[in-house]
Amino acid sequence: APFVLQSVVPDVGADMQGLQAYTKQAVTQVRGQLQRNDLPTAVQLHRYIHEVVRVIHKLSAGAPEPLCRELARCFDGVWDCVANAPLKGTTLSVAHLLFALQRLEALLLTGHSVSGVVAVREISSGIRQLIARTPFARIQQDLLRPGGVLVRGVQVNVAFSLAADSSHHTFSWSFRHGDREVEESVFYWDEHFDYGGSSCSDDAEGGGSGLENEADQEMAG
């Protein structure tokens, strides 16, 4: 059977239930077909992702900007959501499709309020941006404050440590949002720090100080 959507959720604008129903339908269909070892051709895969993005755009029309950003981030490293086209230099695979659907599932089908999930992601994104623009020499002073740092109105506690094998640093942060206790972390490298001969720092994005790319981290995991 071809990898095509079997039905389309009615046009409900920014109705969250429509987004959730459509995502659940897509996830269920893809997993079912893969369990039957019904693998898509390259053309089917291209058409399927194009249709998923088209419908998500349609269902999220008029939705709050933070939600739209998070929906687009679900396809980071996989698809150009703005142009609704493949990323240049990327050869699509079933793994890319599953990655995007799993991120949509984690955003929309967790059982938590979607607005709460979006807010938590916005706070963590703010922390990542703060880390990225903080010089290595000012990490202690600017980020590791006893009372934490304020991000989008939320107090966030930040920790910074060197791996036991001295191959990289790790930033970790925690905060409370509603009834949720959130803890996240990311690898970090600085080009001027001696990592004991490790070449990891050479891979930091753009040279200088760098964070592990979020999408790459999830794909690897």
N, C-alpha and C. Protein backbone atom coordinates (compact mmCIF):
# COMPACT_ATOMS: atom_id res chain seq x y z
N ALA A 1 0.85 -1.19 0.00
CA ALA A 1 0.00 0.00 0.00
C ALA A 1 0.89 1.24 0.00
N PRO A 2 0.50 2.30 -0.73
CA PRO A 2 1.33 3.51 -0.79
C PRO A 2 1.32 4.27 0.51
N PHE A 3 2.41 4.98 0.75
CA PHE A 3 2.52 5.80 1.94
C PHE A 3 1.79 7.12 1.69
N VAL A 4 0.46 7.12 1.84
CA VAL A 4 -0.33 8.34 1.70
C VAL A 4 -1.28 8.43 2.86
N LEU A 5 -1.71 9.65 3.19
CA LEU A 5 -2.68 9.82 4.25
C LEU A 5 -4.01 9.22 3.83
N GLN A 6 -4.63 8.46 4.72
CA GLN A 6 -5.88 7.81 4.37
C GLN A 6 -7.09 8.72 4.61
N SER A 7 -6.93 9.73 5.43
CA SER A 7 -8.02 10.66 5.69
C SER A 7 -7.42 11.99 6.12
N VAL A 8 -8.22 13.03 6.04
CA VAL A 8 -7.77 14.36 6.41
C VAL A 8 -8.70 14.91 7.48
N VAL A 9 -8.12 15.43 8.56
CA VAL A 9 -8.92 16.02 9.63
C VAL A 9 -9.64 17.24 9.07
N PRO A 10 -10.89 17.47 9.44
CA PRO A 10 -11.63 18.64 8.95
C PRO A 10 -10.90 19.93 9.27
N ASP A 11 -11.16 20.95 8.48
CA ASP A 11 -10.53 22.25 8.67
C ASP A 11 -11.07 22.89 9.94
N VAL A 12 -10.26 22.84 11.02
CA VAL A 12 -10.71 23.39 12.30
C VAL A 12 -9.82 24.54 12.74
N GLY A 13 -9.09 25.13 11.78
CA GLY A 13 -8.25 26.28 12.11
C GLY A 13 -7.22 25.92 13.16
N ALA A 14 -7.14 26.72 14.21
CA ALA A 14 -6.13 26.52 15.25
C ALA A 14 -6.63 25.63 16.37
N ASP A 15 -7.71 24.87 16.15
CA ASP A 15 -8.27 23.98 17.15
C ASP A 15 -7.21 22.95 17.55
N MET A 16 -6.84 22.93 18.84
CA MET A 16 -5.80 22.02 19.30
C MET A 16 -6.20 20.57 19.11
N GLN A 17 -7.47 20.27 19.25
CA GLN A 17 -7.93 18.89 19.09
C GLN A 17 -7.70 18.41 17.66
N GLY A 18 -7.83 19.32 16.69
CA GLY A 18 -7.56 18.94 15.32
C GLY A 18 -6.10 18.57 15.10
N LEU A 19 -5.18 19.37 15.65
CA LEU A 19 -3.75 19.06 15.55
C LEU A 19 -3.42 17.73 16.22
N GLN A 20 -4.02 17.52 17.40
CA GLN A 20 -3.73 16.29 18.13
C GLN A 20 -4.29 15.07 17.41
N ALA A 21 -5.51 15.20 16.87
CA ALA A 21 -6.12 14.08 16.16
C ALA A 21 -5.34 13.73 14.91
N TYR A 22 -4.91 14.75 14.20
CA TYR A 22 -4.15 14.52 12.97
C TYR A 22 -2.80 13.87 13.28
N THR A 23 -2.12 14.36 14.31
CA THR A 23 -0.83 13.79 14.69
C THR A 23 -0.98 12.34 15.11
N LYS A 24 -2.00 12.06 15.91
CA LYS A 24 -2.23 10.67 16.35
C LYS A 24 -2.50 9.78 15.15
N GLN A 25 -3.28 10.27 14.18
CA GLN A 25 -3.58 9.50 12.97
C GLN A 25 -2.31 9.20 12.19
N ALA A 26 -1.46 10.22 12.00
CA ALA A 26 -0.23 10.03 11.23
C ALA A 26 0.72 9.07 11.92
N VAL A 27 0.89 9.23 13.23
CA VAL A 27 1.79 8.36 13.99
C VAL A 27 1.30 6.91 13.92
N THR A 28 0.00 6.71 14.14
CA THR A 28 -0.57 5.35 14.11
C THR A 28 -0.41 4.71 12.75
N GLN A 29 -0.69 5.48 11.71
CA GLN A 29 -0.59 4.93 10.35
C GLN A 29 0.83 4.54 9.99
N VAL A 30 1.78 5.43 10.26
CA VAL A 30 3.17 5.14 9.89
C VAL A 30 3.71 3.95 10.67
N ARG A 31 3.47 3.92 11.97
CA ARG A 31 3.95 2.79 12.77
C ARG A 31 3.33 1.48 12.31
N GLY A 32 2.04 1.53 11.96
CA GLY A 32 1.37 0.32 11.49
C GLY A 32 1.98 -0.19 10.19
N GLN A 33 2.24 0.72 9.26
CA GLN A 33 2.81 0.31 7.98
C GLN A 33 4.24 -0.20 8.14
N LEU A 34 5.00 0.42 9.03
CA LEU A 34 6.38 -0.04 9.24
C LEU A 34 6.40 -1.40 9.93
N GLN A 35 5.44 -1.64 10.83
CA GLN A 35 5.37 -2.95 11.49
C GLN A 35 5.05 -4.05 10.47
N ARG A 36 4.35 -3.68 9.41
CA ARG A 36 4.06 -4.64 8.33
C ARG A 36 5.19 -4.67 7.31
N ASN A 37 6.27 -3.96 7.63
CA ASN A 37 7.43 -3.87 6.74
C ASN A 37 7.05 -3.26 5.39
N ASP A 38 6.08 -2.37 5.42
CA ASP A 38 5.65 -1.66 4.21
C ASP A 38 6.43 -0.36 4.13
N LEU A 39 7.61 -0.42 3.53
CA LEU A 39 8.50 0.73 3.49
C LEU A 39 8.19 1.62 2.29
N PRO A 40 8.25 2.94 2.48
CA PRO A 40 7.95 3.85 1.37
C PRO A 40 9.11 3.97 0.40
N THR A 41 8.80 4.26 -0.83
CA THR A 41 9.83 4.62 -1.79
C THR A 41 10.26 6.06 -1.49
N ALA A 42 11.32 6.50 -2.12
CA ALA A 42 11.78 7.88 -1.91
C ALA A 42 10.71 8.88 -2.31
N VAL A 43 10.01 8.61 -3.40
CA VAL A 43 8.96 9.52 -3.87
C VAL A 43 7.80 9.54 -2.88
N GLN A 44 7.38 8.37 -2.38
CA GLN A 44 6.30 8.29 -1.41
C GLN A 44 6.66 9.03 -0.12
N LEU A 45 7.90 8.86 0.31
CA LEU A 45 8.35 9.52 1.53
C LEU A 45 8.30 11.03 1.38
N HIS A 46 8.78 11.52 0.25
CA HIS A 46 8.76 12.96 -0.04
C HIS A 46 7.33 13.47 -0.02
N ARG A 47 6.43 12.77 -0.71
CA ARG A 47 5.03 13.21 -0.79
C ARG A 47 4.36 13.16 0.58
N TYR A 48 4.68 12.15 1.36
CA TYR A 48 4.05 11.99 2.67
C TYR A 48 4.43 13.14 3.60
N ILE A 49 5.73 13.42 3.70
CA ILE A 49 6.17 14.50 4.59
C ILE A 49 5.61 15.84 4.10
N HIS A 50 5.59 16.05 2.79
CA HIS A 50 5.01 17.28 2.23
C HIS A 50 3.56 17.42 2.65
N GLU A 51 2.80 16.33 2.62
CA GLU A 51 1.38 16.38 2.99
C GLU A 51 1.22 16.62 4.49
N VAL A 52 2.05 15.97 5.31
CA VAL A 52 1.98 16.19 6.76
C VAL A 52 2.22 17.66 7.09
N VAL A 53 3.25 18.25 6.49
CA VAL A 53 3.56 19.65 6.77
C VAL A 53 2.44 20.56 6.25
N ARG A 54 1.90 20.25 5.09
CA ARG A 54 0.81 21.06 4.53
C ARG A 54 -0.40 21.09 5.47
N VAL A 55 -0.78 19.92 5.97
CA VAL A 55 -1.96 19.84 6.83
C VAL A 55 -1.69 20.50 8.19
N ILE A 56 -0.48 20.33 8.71
CA ILE A 56 -0.15 20.97 9.99
C ILE A 56 -0.19 22.49 9.84
N HIS A 57 0.31 23.00 8.73
CA HIS A 57 0.21 24.44 8.46
C HIS A 57 -1.25 24.88 8.44
N LYS A 58 -2.09 24.09 7.81
CA LYS A 58 -3.51 24.42 7.68
C LYS A 58 -4.19 24.41 9.04
N LEU A 59 -3.91 23.39 9.84
CA LEU A 59 -4.56 23.26 11.14
C LEU A 59 -4.04 24.25 12.17
N SER A 60 -2.82 24.75 11.97
CA SER A 60 -2.24 25.67 12.95
C SER A 60 -2.37 27.13 12.52
N ALA A 61 -3.08 27.37 11.42
CA ALA A 61 -3.25 28.75 10.97
C ALA A 61 -3.92 29.57 12.07
N GLY A 62 -3.29 30.68 12.44
CA GLY A 62 -3.84 31.52 13.49
C GLY A 62 -3.45 31.12 14.90
N ALA A 63 -2.68 30.05 15.03
CA ALA A 63 -2.23 29.60 16.36
C ALA A 63 -1.18 30.57 16.90
N PRO A 64 -0.97 30.59 18.23
CA PRO A 64 0.06 31.46 18.81
C PRO A 64 1.43 31.18 18.20
N GLU A 65 2.23 32.22 18.05
CA GLU A 65 3.54 32.09 17.42
C GLU A 65 4.44 31.06 18.12
N PRO A 66 4.47 31.01 19.48
CA PRO A 66 5.32 29.99 20.12
C PRO A 66 4.96 28.57 19.71
N LEU A 67 3.67 28.28 19.56
CA LEU A 67 3.26 26.94 19.12
C LEU A 67 3.72 26.69 17.68
N CYS A 68 3.57 27.68 16.82
CA CYS A 68 4.01 27.53 15.42
C CYS A 68 5.51 27.27 15.35
N ARG A 69 6.28 27.96 16.21
CA ARG A 69 7.73 27.74 16.23
C ARG A 69 8.05 26.30 16.63
N GLU A 70 7.35 25.81 17.65
CA GLU A 70 7.63 24.45 18.12
C GLU A 70 7.21 23.41 17.10
N LEU A 71 6.11 23.65 16.40
CA LEU A 71 5.70 22.72 15.33
C LEU A 71 6.78 22.65 14.25
N ALA A 72 7.33 23.81 13.88
CA ALA A 72 8.38 23.84 12.86
C ALA A 72 9.64 23.14 13.35
N ARG A 73 9.95 23.31 14.64
CA ARG A 73 11.16 22.69 15.20
C ARG A 73 11.09 21.17 15.16
N CYS A 74 9.89 20.63 15.12
CA CYS A 74 9.75 19.17 15.04
C CYS A 74 10.40 18.62 13.78
N PHE A 75 10.58 19.47 12.77
CA PHE A 75 11.15 19.03 11.51
C PHE A 75 12.58 19.53 11.30
N ASP A 76 13.18 20.10 12.35
CA ASP A 76 14.57 20.58 12.25
C ASP A 76 15.48 19.45 11.79
N GLY A 77 16.32 19.75 10.81
CA GLY A 77 17.24 18.75 10.30
C GLY A 77 16.62 17.76 9.34
N VAL A 78 15.30 17.89 9.09
CA VAL A 78 14.58 16.94 8.25
C VAL A 78 13.97 17.62 7.03
N TRP A 79 13.33 18.79 7.25
CA TRP A 79 12.48 19.38 6.22
C TRP A 79 12.42 20.88 6.41
N ASP A 80 12.34 21.63 5.33
CA ASP A 80 12.16 23.07 5.37
C ASP A 80 10.67 23.35 5.46
N CYS A 81 10.20 23.66 6.68
CA CYS A 81 8.77 23.85 6.88
C CYS A 81 8.24 25.11 6.21
N VAL A 82 9.04 26.14 6.12
CA VAL A 82 8.59 27.39 5.51
C VAL A 82 8.30 27.17 4.03
N ALA A 83 9.24 26.54 3.33
CA ALA A 83 9.07 26.28 1.90
C ALA A 83 8.30 24.99 1.64
N ASN A 84 8.10 24.19 2.69
CA ASN A 84 7.52 22.85 2.57
C ASN A 84 8.24 22.07 1.48
N ALA A 85 9.54 21.92 1.70
CA ALA A 85 10.40 21.24 0.73
C ALA A 85 11.56 20.57 1.47
N PRO A 86 12.21 19.59 0.86
CA PRO A 86 13.36 18.93 1.51
C PRO A 86 14.48 19.93 1.75
N LEU A 87 15.26 19.69 2.79
CA LEU A 87 16.44 20.50 3.03
C LEU A 87 17.50 20.15 2.00
N LYS A 88 18.20 21.16 1.55
CA LYS A 88 19.26 20.93 0.58
C LYS A 88 20.35 20.07 1.20
N GLY A 89 20.78 19.08 0.46
CA GLY A 89 21.85 18.22 0.93
C GLY A 89 21.38 17.10 1.85
N THR A 90 20.08 16.99 2.09
CA THR A 90 19.56 15.94 2.97
C THR A 90 18.86 14.86 2.15
N THR A 91 19.30 13.63 2.31
CA THR A 91 18.65 12.50 1.67
C THR A 91 17.66 11.90 2.66
N LEU A 92 16.39 12.02 2.38
CA LEU A 92 15.36 11.59 3.32
C LEU A 92 15.37 10.08 3.52
N SER A 93 15.08 9.68 4.74
CA SER A 93 14.96 8.26 5.07
C SER A 93 13.77 8.09 6.01
N VAL A 94 13.39 6.85 6.24
CA VAL A 94 12.31 6.56 7.18
C VAL A 94 12.67 7.07 8.57
N ALA A 95 13.96 7.03 8.91
CA ALA A 95 14.40 7.52 10.22
C ALA A 95 14.06 9.00 10.39
N HIS A 96 14.19 9.79 9.31
CA HIS A 96 13.84 11.21 9.38
C HIS A 96 12.34 11.37 9.65
N LEU A 97 11.53 10.58 8.98
CA LEU A 97 10.08 10.65 9.18
C LEU A 97 9.71 10.30 10.61
N LEU A 98 10.27 9.22 11.12
CA LEU A 98 9.98 8.81 12.49
C LEU A 98 10.43 9.86 13.49
N PHE A 99 11.59 10.45 13.24
CA PHE A 99 12.11 11.50 14.11
C PHE A 99 11.13 12.66 14.21
N ALA A 100 10.63 13.12 13.06
CA ALA A 100 9.70 14.25 13.05
C ALA A 100 8.40 13.89 13.74
N LEU A 101 7.88 12.69 13.47
CA LEU A 101 6.62 12.27 14.08
C LEU A 101 6.76 12.09 15.60
N GLN A 102 7.89 11.58 16.03
CA GLN A 102 8.12 11.42 17.47
C GLN A 102 8.17 12.77 18.16
N ARG A 103 8.74 13.77 17.50
CA ARG A 103 8.79 15.11 18.09
C ARG A 103 7.40 15.74 18.11
N LEU A 104 6.61 15.52 17.08
CA LEU A 104 5.22 16.00 17.09
C LEU A 104 4.44 15.33 18.21
N GLU A 105 4.66 14.04 18.38
CA GLU A 105 3.99 13.28 19.43
C GLU A 105 4.37 13.82 20.81
N ALA A 106 5.67 14.12 21.00
CA ALA A 106 6.15 14.64 22.28
C ALA A 106 5.61 16.04 22.56
N LEU A 107 5.30 16.77 21.50
CA LEU A 107 4.76 18.12 21.67
C LEU A 107 3.26 18.11 21.93
N LEU A 108 2.54 17.28 21.20
CA LEU A 108 1.08 17.37 21.20
C LEU A 108 0.35 16.26 21.94
N LEU A 109 1.02 15.13 22.19
CA LEU A 109 0.29 13.96 22.73
C LEU A 109 0.88 13.44 24.03
N THR A 110 1.42 14.31 24.86
CA THR A 110 2.05 13.87 26.11
C THR A 110 1.07 13.67 27.25
N GLY A 111 -0.13 14.23 27.12
CA GLY A 111 -1.07 14.21 28.24
C GLY A 111 -1.01 15.48 29.05
N HIS A 112 0.08 16.25 28.88
CA HIS A 112 0.19 17.57 29.51
C HIS A 112 -0.49 18.60 28.62
N SER A 113 -0.82 19.74 29.20
CA SER A 113 -1.33 20.86 28.43
C SER A 113 -0.31 21.23 27.36
N VAL A 114 -0.77 21.36 26.11
CA VAL A 114 0.16 21.71 25.03
C VAL A 114 0.76 23.09 25.27
N SER A 115 -0.05 24.02 25.77
CA SER A 115 0.48 25.35 26.06
C SER A 115 1.57 25.28 27.12
N GLY A 116 1.41 24.36 28.08
CA GLY A 116 2.44 24.18 29.10
C GLY A 116 3.70 23.58 28.52
N VAL A 117 3.56 22.59 27.62
CA VAL A 117 4.71 21.98 26.97
C VAL A 117 5.47 23.03 26.15
N VAL A 118 4.72 23.87 25.43
CA VAL A 118 5.33 24.93 24.62
C VAL A 118 6.08 25.91 25.52
N ALA A 119 5.46 26.29 26.65
CA ALA A 119 6.10 27.24 27.56
C ALA A 119 7.40 26.68 28.11
N VAL A 120 7.41 25.40 28.48
CA VAL A 120 8.63 24.76 28.99
C VAL A 120 9.72 24.77 27.92
N ARG A 121 9.34 24.48 26.68
CA ARG A 121 10.33 24.47 25.60
C ARG A 121 10.86 25.86 25.32
N GLU A 122 10.00 26.87 25.44
CA GLU A 122 10.44 28.25 25.23
C GLU A 122 11.45 28.66 26.30
N ILE A 123 11.23 28.21 27.53
CA ILE A 123 12.17 28.53 28.61
C ILE A 123 13.51 27.85 28.36
N SER A 124 13.48 26.56 27.98
CA SER A 124 14.73 25.85 27.70
C SER A 124 15.44 26.44 26.49
N SER A 125 14.67 26.86 25.49
CA SER A 125 15.28 27.51 24.33
C SER A 125 15.95 28.81 24.75
N GLY A 126 15.31 29.55 25.66
CA GLY A 126 15.90 30.79 26.17
C GLY A 126 17.20 30.53 26.90
N ILE A 127 17.26 29.44 27.67
CA ILE A 127 18.49 29.08 28.38
C ILE A 127 19.59 28.73 27.38
N ARG A 128 19.25 27.96 26.34
CA ARG A 128 20.23 27.60 25.33
C ARG A 128 20.81 28.86 24.66
N GLN A 129 19.94 29.80 24.36
CA GLN A 129 20.39 31.05 23.74
C GLN A 129 21.29 31.83 24.69
N LEU A 130 20.93 31.84 25.97
CA LEU A 130 21.73 32.54 26.97
C LEU A 130 23.11 31.90 27.09
N ILE A 131 23.16 30.57 27.10
CA ILE A 131 24.43 29.86 27.17
C ILE A 131 25.28 30.17 25.94
N ALA A 132 24.64 30.15 24.76
CA ALA A 132 25.38 30.34 23.52
C ALA A 132 26.03 31.72 23.42
N ARG A 133 25.40 32.73 24.01
CA ARG A 133 25.97 34.07 23.88
C ARG A 133 26.79 34.50 25.10
N THR A 134 26.97 33.61 26.06
CA THR A 134 27.77 33.93 27.24
C THR A 134 29.21 33.49 27.04
N PRO A 135 30.19 34.40 27.09
CA PRO A 135 31.60 34.01 26.96
C PRO A 135 32.00 33.03 28.05
N PHE A 136 32.92 32.14 27.72
CA PHE A 136 33.37 31.13 28.68
C PHE A 136 33.82 31.77 29.99
N ALA A 137 34.53 32.88 29.90
CA ALA A 137 35.07 33.53 31.10
C ALA A 137 34.00 34.11 32.01
N ARG A 138 32.77 34.28 31.52
CA ARG A 138 31.71 34.88 32.31
C ARG A 138 30.63 33.87 32.74
N ILE A 139 30.87 32.59 32.47
CA ILE A 139 29.88 31.59 32.83
C ILE A 139 29.59 31.59 34.33
N GLN A 140 30.65 31.57 35.13
CA GLN A 140 30.48 31.55 36.58
C GLN A 140 29.69 32.76 37.07
N GLN A 141 30.06 33.92 36.60
CA GLN A 141 29.46 35.16 37.07
C GLN A 141 28.02 35.36 36.56
N ASP A 142 27.80 35.04 35.30
CA ASP A 142 26.51 35.36 34.69
C ASP A 142 25.46 34.25 34.77
N LEU A 143 25.89 33.00 34.82
CA LEU A 143 24.93 31.90 34.74
C LEU A 143 24.81 31.06 36.01
N LEU A 144 25.91 30.95 36.76
CA LEU A 144 25.91 30.05 37.91
C LEU A 144 25.59 30.80 39.20
N ARG A 145 24.58 31.61 39.16
CA ARG A 145 24.21 32.41 40.33
C ARG A 145 23.46 31.55 41.35
N PRO A 146 23.70 31.79 42.65
CA PRO A 146 23.03 30.99 43.70
C PRO A 146 21.51 30.99 43.56
N GLY A 147 20.94 32.11 43.17
CA GLY A 147 19.48 32.19 43.05
C GLY A 147 18.97 31.83 41.67
N GLY A 148 19.85 31.41 40.79
CA GLY A 148 19.44 31.06 39.43
C GLY A 148 19.35 32.29 38.54
N VAL A 149 18.92 32.09 37.31
CA VAL A 149 18.74 33.19 36.35
C VAL A 149 17.27 33.23 35.94
N LEU A 150 16.80 34.41 35.62
CA LEU A 150 15.41 34.59 35.25
C LEU A 150 15.25 34.49 33.74
N VAL A 151 14.43 33.54 33.29
CA VAL A 151 14.17 33.33 31.87
C VAL A 151 12.67 33.28 31.65
N ARG A 152 12.15 34.24 30.89
CA ARG A 152 10.71 34.31 30.60
C ARG A 152 9.88 34.28 31.89
N GLY A 153 10.37 34.98 32.89
CA GLY A 153 9.65 35.10 34.15
C GLY A 153 9.79 33.91 35.09
N VAL A 154 10.64 32.94 34.74
CA VAL A 154 10.82 31.74 35.55
C VAL A 154 12.25 31.66 36.05
N GLN A 155 12.42 31.32 37.34
CA GLN A 155 13.75 31.19 37.93
C GLN A 155 14.34 29.84 37.53
N VAL A 156 15.49 29.87 36.87
CA VAL A 156 16.12 28.64 36.37
C VAL A 156 17.48 28.46 37.04
N ASN A 157 17.69 27.29 37.63
CA ASN A 157 18.97 26.97 38.27
C ASN A 157 19.88 26.28 37.25
N VAL A 158 21.09 26.81 37.09
CA VAL A 158 22.02 26.32 36.07
C VAL A 158 23.26 25.74 36.74
N ALA A 159 23.73 24.61 36.23
CA ALA A 159 24.97 23.98 36.71
C ALA A 159 25.88 23.74 35.51
N PHE A 160 27.19 23.70 35.78
CA PHE A 160 28.20 23.55 34.72
C PHE A 160 29.27 22.62 35.23
N SER A 161 29.58 21.56 34.47
CA SER A 161 30.57 20.59 34.96
C SER A 161 31.41 20.04 33.81
N LEU A 162 32.58 19.55 34.16
CA LEU A 162 33.49 18.93 33.20
C LEU A 162 33.36 17.42 33.31
N ALA A 163 33.26 16.75 32.17
CA ALA A 163 33.13 15.29 32.15
C ALA A 163 34.34 14.63 32.81
N ALA A 164 34.13 13.45 33.35
CA ALA A 164 35.20 12.75 34.06
C ALA A 164 36.40 12.48 33.16
N ASP A 165 36.17 12.29 31.87
CA ASP A 165 37.29 12.04 30.94
C ASP A 165 37.79 13.32 30.29
N SER A 166 37.29 14.47 30.78
CA SER A 166 37.71 15.79 30.29
C SER A 166 37.46 15.99 28.79
N SER A 167 36.47 15.29 28.23
CA SER A 167 36.21 15.40 26.80
C SER A 167 35.24 16.53 26.45
N HIS A 168 34.50 17.00 27.44
CA HIS A 168 33.51 18.05 27.18
C HIS A 168 32.98 18.58 28.51
N HIS A 169 32.31 19.71 28.44
CA HIS A 169 31.55 20.23 29.58
C HIS A 169 30.08 19.88 29.39
N THR A 170 29.33 19.97 30.47
CA THR A 170 27.89 19.80 30.40
C THR A 170 27.20 20.94 31.15
N PHE A 171 26.27 21.56 30.48
CA PHE A 171 25.37 22.51 31.14
C PHE A 171 24.10 21.74 31.49
N SER A 172 23.63 21.90 32.70
CA SER A 172 22.34 21.34 33.09
C SER A 172 21.53 22.43 33.77
N TRP A 173 20.24 22.37 33.62
CA TRP A 173 19.38 23.37 34.25
C TRP A 173 18.08 22.74 34.70
N SER A 174 17.48 23.37 35.69
CA SER A 174 16.22 22.86 36.24
C SER A 174 15.33 24.04 36.63
N PHE A 175 14.03 23.82 36.53
CA PHE A 175 13.08 24.84 36.94
C PHE A 175 11.71 24.20 37.15
N ARG A 176 10.85 24.92 37.76
CA ARG A 176 9.48 24.45 37.98
C ARG A 176 8.53 25.27 37.13
N HIS A 177 7.64 24.58 36.44
CA HIS A 177 6.61 25.27 35.65
C HIS A 177 5.27 24.60 35.94
N GLY A 178 4.38 25.32 36.58
CA GLY A 178 3.11 24.73 36.99
C GLY A 178 3.37 23.61 37.97
N ASP A 179 2.88 22.42 37.66
CA ASP A 179 3.10 21.26 38.55
C ASP A 179 4.25 20.38 38.06
N ARG A 180 5.03 20.88 37.10
CA ARG A 180 6.11 20.09 36.53
C ARG A 180 7.47 20.55 37.03
N GLU A 181 8.32 19.57 37.37
CA GLU A 181 9.73 19.83 37.66
C GLU A 181 10.52 19.44 36.42
N VAL A 182 11.19 20.41 35.82
CA VAL A 182 11.86 20.19 34.54
C VAL A 182 13.37 20.17 34.74
N GLU A 183 14.04 19.18 34.17
CA GLU A 183 15.50 19.09 34.20
C GLU A 183 15.99 18.74 32.79
N GLU A 184 16.95 19.52 32.29
CA GLU A 184 17.51 19.27 30.97
C GLU A 184 19.00 19.53 31.00
N SER A 185 19.69 19.06 29.96
CA SER A 185 21.14 19.28 29.89
C SER A 185 21.59 19.27 28.45
N VAL A 186 22.79 19.78 28.23
CA VAL A 186 23.37 19.82 26.88
C VAL A 186 24.88 19.82 26.99
N PHE A 187 25.55 19.17 26.03
CA PHE A 187 27.01 19.18 25.99
C PHE A 187 27.50 20.53 25.49
N TYR A 188 28.70 20.90 25.94
CA TYR A 188 29.26 22.22 25.60
C TYR A 188 30.76 22.08 25.43
N TRP A 189 31.29 22.79 24.42
CA TRP A 189 32.73 22.82 24.20
C TRP A 189 33.20 24.26 24.02
N ASP A 190 34.42 24.55 24.45
CA ASP A 190 35.04 25.86 24.22
C ASP A 190 36.39 25.63 23.55
N GLU A 191 36.64 26.36 22.46
CA GLU A 191 37.85 26.09 21.67
C GLU A 191 39.13 26.41 22.41
N HIS A 192 39.06 27.24 23.44
CA HIS A 192 40.27 27.63 24.16
C HIS A 192 40.51 26.77 25.40
N PHE A 193 39.60 25.86 25.70
CA PHE A 193 39.77 24.99 26.86
C PHE A 193 40.51 23.73 26.44
N ASP A 194 41.44 23.25 27.28
CA ASP A 194 42.20 22.05 26.98
C ASP A 194 41.39 20.83 27.38
N TYR A 195 40.85 20.14 26.39
CA TYR A 195 40.04 18.95 26.64
C TYR A 195 40.87 17.67 26.57
N GLY A 196 42.12 17.77 26.88
CA GLY A 196 42.97 16.59 26.96
C GLY A 196 43.17 15.90 25.63
N GLY A 197 43.26 16.70 24.55
CA GLY A 197 43.52 16.11 23.24
C GLY A 197 42.29 15.67 22.50
N SER A 198 41.09 15.83 23.11
CA SER A 198 39.86 15.43 22.43
C SER A 198 39.61 16.33 21.23
N SER A 199 39.09 15.75 20.16
CA SER A 199 38.78 16.52 18.96
C SER A 199 37.35 17.03 18.97
N CYS A 200 36.60 16.77 20.05
CA CYS A 200 35.20 17.14 20.09
C CYS A 200 35.02 18.63 19.92
N SER A 201 35.94 19.41 20.53
CA SER A 201 35.77 20.86 20.46
C SER A 201 35.87 21.36 19.04
N ASP A 202 36.54 20.61 18.16
CA ASP A 202 36.64 21.02 16.76
C ASP A 202 35.31 20.96 16.05
N ASP A 203 34.37 20.15 16.62
CA ASP A 203 33.07 19.97 15.99
C ASP A 203 32.04 20.97 16.47
N ALA A 204 32.40 21.82 17.45
CA ALA A 204 31.44 22.78 17.96
C ALA A 204 31.01 23.70 16.84
N GLU A 205 29.72 23.93 16.76
CA GLU A 205 29.16 24.69 15.65
C GLU A 205 29.77 26.08 15.57
N GLY A 206 30.30 26.39 14.40
CA GLY A 206 30.81 27.73 14.15
C GLY A 206 32.13 28.05 14.81
N GLY A 207 32.78 27.06 15.43
CA GLY A 207 34.03 27.36 16.13
C GLY A 207 33.74 28.06 17.44
N GLY A 208 34.77 28.47 18.15
CA GLY A 208 34.56 29.15 19.43
C GLY A 208 33.87 28.23 20.40
N SER A 209 32.96 28.79 21.20
CA SER A 209 32.18 27.98 22.12
C SER A 209 30.97 27.44 21.38
N GLY A 210 30.56 26.22 21.73
CA GLY A 210 29.43 25.64 21.00
C GLY A 210 28.66 24.65 21.83
N LEU A 211 27.34 24.56 21.53
CA LEU A 211 26.47 23.58 22.16
C LEU A 211 26.23 22.45 21.18
N GLU A 212 25.95 21.27 21.72
CA GLU A 212 25.53 20.17 20.86
C GLU A 212 24.20 20.54 20.24
N ASN A 213 24.08 20.35 18.93
CA ASN A 213 22.84 20.65 18.23
C ASN A 213 21.71 19.80 18.78
N GLU A 214 20.59 20.42 19.12
CA GLU A 214 19.47 19.72 19.76
C GLU A 214 18.91 18.62 18.88
N ALA A 215 18.71 18.93 17.59
CA ALA A 215 18.14 17.92 16.69
C ALA A 215 19.11 16.75 16.53
N ASP A 216 20.41 17.03 16.40
CA ASP A 216 21.39 15.95 16.27
C ASP A 216 21.41 15.09 17.52
N GLN A 217 21.27 15.72 18.70
CA GLN A 217 21.28 14.99 19.95
C GLN A 217 20.10 14.02 19.99
N GLU A 218 18.92 14.47 19.56
CA GLU A 218 17.75 13.61 19.59
C GLU A 218 17.84 12.50 18.55
N MET A 219 18.36 12.82 17.36
CA MET A 219 18.50 11.80 16.33
C MET A 219 19.45 10.70 16.78
N ALA A 220 20.52 11.11 17.49
CA ALA A 220 21.50 10.15 17.98
C ALA A 220 20.91 9.28 19.08
N GLY A 221 19.95 9.88 19.85
CA GLY A 221 19.38 9.15 20.96
C GLY A 221 18.25 8.24 20.53
